C-alpha atoms as a PDB file:
ATOM      1  CA  UNK A   1      18.136  37.836 -50.830  1.00  0.00           C
ATOM      2  CA  UNK A   2      19.090  34.432 -49.511  1.00  0.00           C
ATOM      3  CA  UNK A   3      21.946  36.004 -47.632  1.00  0.00           C
ATOM      4  CA  UNK A   4      19.622  38.474 -45.941  1.00  0.00           C
ATOM      5  CA  UNK A   5      17.176  35.708 -44.974  1.00  0.00           C
ATOM      6  CA  UNK A   6      19.960  33.719 -43.384  1.00  0.00           C
ATOM      7  CA  UNK A   7      21.038  36.712 -41.347  1.00  0.00           C
ATOM      8  CA  UNK A   8      17.512  37.482 -40.024  1.00  0.00           C
ATOM      9  CA  UNK A   9      16.599  33.856 -39.193  1.00  0.00           C
ATOM     10  CA  UNK A  10      16.941  32.887 -35.550  1.00  0.00           C
ATOM     11  CA  UNK A  11      20.029  30.921 -34.845  1.00  0.00           C
ATOM     12  CA  UNK A  12      19.795  27.218 -35.478  1.00  0.00           C
ATOM     13  CA  UNK A  13      21.051  24.779 -32.816  1.00  0.00           C
ATOM     14  CA  UNK A  14      24.184  24.234 -34.836  1.00  0.00           C
ATOM     15  CA  UNK A  15      24.918  27.969 -34.742  1.00  0.00           C
ATOM     16  CA  UNK A  16      24.282  28.300 -30.957  1.00  0.00           C
ATOM     17  CA  UNK A  17      27.502  28.579 -29.028  1.00  0.00           C
ATOM     18  CA  UNK A  18      28.266  25.449 -26.948  1.00  0.00           C
ATOM     19  CA  UNK A  19      28.265  27.444 -23.678  1.00  0.00           C
ATOM     20  CA  UNK A  20      24.601  28.426 -24.132  1.00  0.00           C
ATOM     21  CA  UNK A  21      23.605  24.784 -24.728  1.00  0.00           C
ATOM     22  CA  UNK A  22      25.541  23.643 -21.693  1.00  0.00           C
ATOM     23  CA  UNK A  23      23.897  26.304 -19.551  1.00  0.00           C
ATOM     24  CA  UNK A  24      20.447  25.290 -20.818  1.00  0.00           C
ATOM     25  CA  UNK A  25      21.238  21.635 -20.190  1.00  0.00           C
ATOM     26  CA  UNK A  26      22.472  22.402 -16.665  1.00  0.00           C
ATOM     27  CA  UNK A  27      19.351  24.496 -15.992  1.00  0.00           C
ATOM     28  CA  UNK A  28      17.081  21.739 -17.327  1.00  0.00           C
ATOM     29  CA  UNK A  29      18.863  19.095 -15.235  1.00  0.00           C
ATOM     30  CA  UNK A  30      18.548  21.321 -12.152  1.00  0.00           C
ATOM     31  CA  UNK A  31      14.788  21.801 -12.740  1.00  0.00           C
ATOM     32  CA  UNK A  32      14.409  18.031 -13.314  1.00  0.00           C
ATOM     33  CA  UNK A  33      16.167  17.325 -10.010  1.00  0.00           C
ATOM     34  CA  UNK A  34      13.886  19.812  -8.198  1.00  0.00           C
ATOM     35  CA  UNK A  35      10.771  18.250  -9.753  1.00  0.00           C
ATOM     36  CA  UNK A  36      11.967  14.738  -8.939  1.00  0.00           C
ATOM     37  CA  UNK A  37      12.578  15.783  -5.349  1.00  0.00           C
ATOM     38  CA  UNK A  38       9.131  17.431  -5.124  1.00  0.00           C
ATOM     39  CA  UNK A  39       7.518  14.311  -6.612  1.00  0.00           C
ATOM     40  CA  UNK A  40       9.259  12.002  -4.132  1.00  0.00           C
ATOM     41  CA  UNK A  41       8.278  14.254  -1.211  1.00  0.00           C
ATOM     42  CA  UNK A  42       4.643  14.368  -2.358  1.00  0.00           C
ATOM     43  CA  UNK A  43       4.615  10.603  -2.837  1.00  0.00           C
ATOM     44  CA  UNK A  44       6.032  10.088   0.679  1.00  0.00           C
ATOM     45  CA  UNK A  45       3.462  12.496   2.142  1.00  0.00           C
ATOM     46  CA  UNK A  46       0.600  10.644   0.454  1.00  0.00           C
ATOM     47  CA  UNK A  47       1.955   7.344   1.777  1.00  0.00           C
ATOM     48  CA  UNK A  48       2.167   8.798   5.311  1.00  0.00           C
ATOM     49  CA  UNK A  49      -1.404  10.091   5.101  1.00  0.00           C
ATOM     50  CA  UNK A  50      -2.626   6.692   3.865  1.00  0.00           C
ATOM     51  CA  UNK A  51      -0.772   4.890   6.658  1.00  0.00           C
ATOM     52  CA  UNK A  52      -2.117   7.302   9.321  1.00  0.00           C
ATOM     53  CA  UNK A  53      -5.664   6.878   7.983  1.00  0.00           C
ATOM     54  CA  UNK A  54      -5.325   3.081   8.134  1.00  0.00           C
ATOM     55  CA  UNK A  55      -4.089   3.334  11.741  1.00  0.00           C
ATOM     56  CA  UNK A  56      -7.007   5.632  12.646  1.00  0.00           C
ATOM     57  CA  UNK A  57      -9.507   3.202  11.130  1.00  0.00           C
ATOM     58  CA  UNK A  58      -7.903   0.276  12.978  1.00  0.00           C
ATOM     59  CA  UNK A  59      -8.076   2.205  16.282  1.00  0.00           C
ATOM     60  CA  UNK A  60     -11.685   3.212  15.618  1.00  0.00           C
ATOM     61  CA  UNK A  61     -12.632  -0.423  15.040  1.00  0.00           C
ATOM     62  CA  UNK A  62     -10.699  -1.610  18.070  1.00  0.00           C
ATOM     63  CA  UNK A  63     -12.153   0.966  20.465  1.00  0.00           C
ATOM     64  CA  UNK A  64     -15.587   1.500  18.876  1.00  0.00           C
ATOM     65  CA  UNK A  65     -17.417   0.107  21.902  1.00  0.00           C
ATOM     66  CA  UNK A  66     -15.323   1.952  24.469  1.00  0.00           C
ATOM     67  CA  UNK A  67     -18.030   4.571  25.157  1.00  0.00           C
ATOM     68  CA  UNK A  68     -20.706   1.915  25.405  1.00  0.00           C
ATOM     69  CA  UNK A  69     -18.592  -0.225  27.723  1.00  0.00           C
ATOM     70  CA  UNK A  70     -17.929   2.827  29.898  1.00  0.00           C
ATOM     71  CA  UNK A  71     -21.694   3.419  30.162  1.00  0.00           C
ATOM     72  CA  UNK A  72     -22.230  -0.233  31.195  1.00  0.00           C
ATOM     73  CA  UNK A  73     -19.736  -0.183  34.096  1.00  0.00           C
ATOM     74  CA  UNK A  74     -22.104   1.511  36.605  1.00  0.00           C
ATOM     75  CA  UNK A  75     -24.743  -1.103  35.760  1.00  0.00           C
ATOM     76  CA  UNK A  76     -22.220  -3.849  36.483  1.00  0.00           C
ATOM     77  CA  UNK A  77     -21.261  -2.122  39.755  1.00  0.00           C
ATOM     78  CA  UNK A  78     -24.917  -2.025  40.821  1.00  0.00           C
ATOM     79  CA  UNK A  79     -25.377  -5.713  40.038  1.00  0.00           C
ATOM     80  CA  UNK A  80     -22.253  -6.657  41.983  1.00  0.00           C
ATOM     81  CA  UNK A  81     -23.403  -4.546  44.945  1.00  0.00           C
ATOM     82  CA  UNK A  82     -26.732  -6.393  44.913  1.00  0.00           C
ATOM     83  CA  UNK A  83     -25.005  -9.770  44.859  1.00  0.00           C
ATOM     84  CA  UNK A  84     -22.776  -8.641  47.736  1.00  0.00           C
ATOM     85  CA  UNK A  85     -25.817  -8.209  50.012  1.00  0.00           C
ATOM     86  CA  UNK A  86     -27.177 -11.692  50.668  1.00  0.00           C
ATOM     87  CA  UNK A  87     -29.119 -10.433  53.712  1.00  0.00           C
ATOM     88  CA  UNK A  88     -31.215  -7.947  51.669  1.00  0.00           C
ATOM     89  CA  UNK A  89     -34.980  -8.193  51.868  1.00  0.00           C
ATOM     90  CA  UNK A  90     -37.099  -8.943  48.818  1.00  0.00           C
ATOM     91  CA  UNK A  91     -38.233  -5.312  48.749  1.00  0.00           C
ATOM     92  CA  UNK A  92     -34.627  -4.071  48.815  1.00  0.00           C
ATOM     93  CA  UNK A  93     -33.637  -6.458  46.015  1.00  0.00           C
ATOM     94  CA  UNK A  94     -36.640  -5.384  43.943  1.00  0.00           C
ATOM     95  CA  UNK A  95     -35.807  -1.719  44.507  1.00  0.00           C
ATOM     96  CA  UNK A  96     -32.203  -2.400  43.468  1.00  0.00           C
ATOM     97  CA  UNK A  97     -33.335  -4.252  40.337  1.00  0.00           C
ATOM     98  CA  UNK A  98     -35.519  -1.291  39.340  1.00  0.00           C
ATOM     99  CA  UNK A  99     -32.655   1.151  39.948  1.00  0.00           C
ATOM    100  CA  UNK A 100     -30.284  -1.030  37.932  1.00  0.00           C
ATOM    101  CA  UNK A 101     -32.810  -1.242  35.090  1.00  0.00           C
ATOM    102  CA  UNK A 102     -33.089   2.571  35.066  1.00  0.00           C
ATOM    103  CA  UNK A 103     -29.283   2.813  34.893  1.00  0.00           C
ATOM    104  CA  UNK A 104     -29.229   0.334  32.018  1.00  0.00           C
ATOM    105  CA  UNK A 105     -32.005   2.155  30.139  1.00  0.00           C
ATOM    106  CA  UNK A 106     -30.188   5.483  30.571  1.00  0.00           C
ATOM    107  CA  UNK A 107     -26.888   3.991  29.391  1.00  0.00           C
ATOM    108  CA  UNK A 108     -28.546   2.484  26.318  1.00  0.00           C
ATOM    109  CA  UNK A 109     -30.298   5.759  25.530  1.00  0.00           C
ATOM    110  CA  UNK A 110     -27.032   7.739  25.869  1.00  0.00           C
ATOM    111  CA  UNK A 111     -25.576   5.379  23.277  1.00  0.00           C
ATOM    112  CA  UNK A 112     -28.572   5.834  20.952  1.00  0.00           C
ATOM    113  CA  UNK A 113     -29.978   2.354  21.582  1.00  0.00           C
ATOM    114  CA  UNK A 114     -33.728   2.966  21.622  1.00  0.00           C
ATOM    115  CA  UNK A 115     -36.668   0.693  22.420  1.00  0.00           C
ATOM    116  CA  UNK A 116     -39.109  -0.389  19.744  1.00  0.00           C
ATOM    117  CA  UNK A 117     -42.278  -0.894  21.765  1.00  0.00           C
ATOM    118  CA  UNK A 118     -45.359  -0.223  19.611  1.00  0.00           C
ATOM    119  CA  UNK A 119     -48.676   0.406  21.318  1.00  0.00           C
ATOM    120  CA  UNK A 120     -51.774  -1.645  20.500  1.00  0.00           C
ATOM    121  CA  UNK A 121     -53.353  -0.420  17.275  1.00  0.00           C
ATOM    122  CA  UNK A 122     -50.056   0.734  15.733  1.00  0.00           C
ATOM    123  CA  UNK A 123     -49.762  -0.164  12.047  1.00  0.00           C
ATOM    124  CA  UNK A 124     -47.568  -3.248  11.610  1.00  0.00           C
ATOM    125  CA  UNK A 125     -44.149  -2.251  10.199  1.00  0.00           C
ATOM    126  CA  UNK A 126     -42.141  -5.241   8.914  1.00  0.00           C
ATOM    127  CA  UNK A 127     -38.950  -3.146   9.178  1.00  0.00           C
ATOM    128  CA  UNK A 128     -39.361  -2.759  12.953  1.00  0.00           C
ATOM    129  CA  UNK A 129     -41.738  -5.545  13.976  1.00  0.00           C
ATOM    130  CA  UNK A 130     -41.722  -9.308  13.612  1.00  0.00           C
ATOM    131  CA  UNK A 131     -45.169 -10.885  13.585  1.00  0.00           C
ATOM    132  CA  UNK A 132     -45.303 -14.060  15.647  1.00  0.00           C
ATOM    133  CA  UNK A 133     -48.963 -14.733  14.953  1.00  0.00           C
ATOM    134  CA  UNK A 134     -52.095 -13.265  13.440  1.00  0.00           C
ATOM    135  CA  UNK A 135     -55.023 -13.213  15.834  1.00  0.00           C
ATOM    136  CA  UNK A 136     -58.661 -12.163  15.507  1.00  0.00           C
ATOM    137  CA  UNK A 137     -59.135  -8.792  17.184  1.00  0.00           C
ATOM    138  CA  UNK A 138     -61.603  -5.906  17.393  1.00  0.00           C
ATOM    139  CA  UNK A 139     -59.243  -3.493  15.682  1.00  0.00           C
ATOM    140  CA  UNK A 140     -58.062  -2.625  12.194  1.00  0.00           C
ATOM    141  CA  UNK A 141     -56.343  -5.448  10.264  1.00  0.00           C
ATOM    142  CA  UNK A 142     -52.532  -5.488  10.132  1.00  0.00           C
ATOM    143  CA  UNK A 143     -52.147  -3.552  13.363  1.00  0.00           C
ATOM    144  CA  UNK A 144     -50.254  -4.574  16.496  1.00  0.00           C
ATOM    145  CA  UNK A 145     -52.422  -6.349  19.095  1.00  0.00           C
ATOM    146  CA  UNK A 146     -49.771  -7.151  21.727  1.00  0.00           C
ATOM    147  CA  UNK A 147     -46.007  -6.853  22.122  1.00  0.00           C
ATOM    148  CA  UNK A 148     -44.423 -10.105  23.245  1.00  0.00           C
ATOM    149  CA  UNK A 149     -40.865  -8.729  23.349  1.00  0.00           C
ATOM    150  CA  UNK A 150     -39.564  -5.188  22.853  1.00  0.00           C
ATOM    151  CA  UNK A 151     -37.264  -4.509  19.966  1.00  0.00           C
ATOM    152  CA  UNK A 152     -34.260  -2.204  19.861  1.00  0.00           C
ATOM    153  CA  UNK A 153     -32.654   0.062  17.290  1.00  0.00           C
ATOM    154  CA  UNK A 154     -29.426   1.993  17.173  1.00  0.00           C
ATOM    155  CA  UNK A 155     -29.774   5.226  15.230  1.00  0.00           C
ATOM    156  CA  UNK A 156     -31.941   4.082  12.283  1.00  0.00           C
ATOM    157  CA  UNK A 157     -30.800   0.440  12.222  1.00  0.00           C
ATOM    158  CA  UNK A 158     -32.899  -2.237  13.874  1.00  0.00           C
ATOM    159  CA  UNK A 159     -30.848  -4.392  16.234  1.00  0.00           C
ATOM    160  CA  UNK A 160     -33.786  -6.615  17.105  1.00  0.00           C
ATOM    161  CA  UNK A 161     -37.363  -6.221  15.855  1.00  0.00           C
ATOM    162  CA  UNK A 162     -40.207  -6.150  18.353  1.00  0.00           C
ATOM    163  CA  UNK A 163     -42.029  -9.506  18.513  1.00  0.00           C
ATOM    164  CA  UNK A 164     -45.741  -8.781  18.094  1.00  0.00           C
ATOM    165  CA  UNK A 165     -49.096 -10.365  17.414  1.00  0.00           C
ATOM    166  CA  UNK A 166     -51.037  -8.778  14.570  1.00  0.00           C
ATOM    167  CA  UNK A 167     -54.765  -8.322  14.031  1.00  0.00           C
ATOM    168  CA  UNK A 168     -56.202 -10.654  11.383  1.00  0.00           C
ATOM    169  CA  UNK A 169     -58.254  -9.309   8.483  1.00  0.00           C
ATOM    170  CA  UNK A 170     -62.005  -9.417   9.210  1.00  0.00           C
END
């Protein structure tokens, strides 16, 4: 019975012919070389992607204000044109100032810079308003009485809060 069991058992490594082992070893080494090559290529690709992303971020930081600066150039041109006309009348200068202000307001709006200019009676919002003083007034307490200076926001971030006076509690 032992003899039969030995004959039906799969071959042990000692019984495997040397050519089969060499072929398996060669195949394994070939697969290892392919995997090593694939790993190195993937690693290089990841490094290239990381480097390109860093370059893109650096360019974005460097040129982040390019659109805004481009929107400001016509305003600068208008101001220089006004300075270049020393013989202009007061009315012409005033008209030019108003036109330049409209250009500036449009440029700011195109770049999502919006005014914070609360009307009288608006509830005081400490996230958008800065109270300069509390004054007695005939309106609800903690509401804006007057705006001393407009504020500005870009998207949802306040660049500068509006300076306001606030109604005192009665």
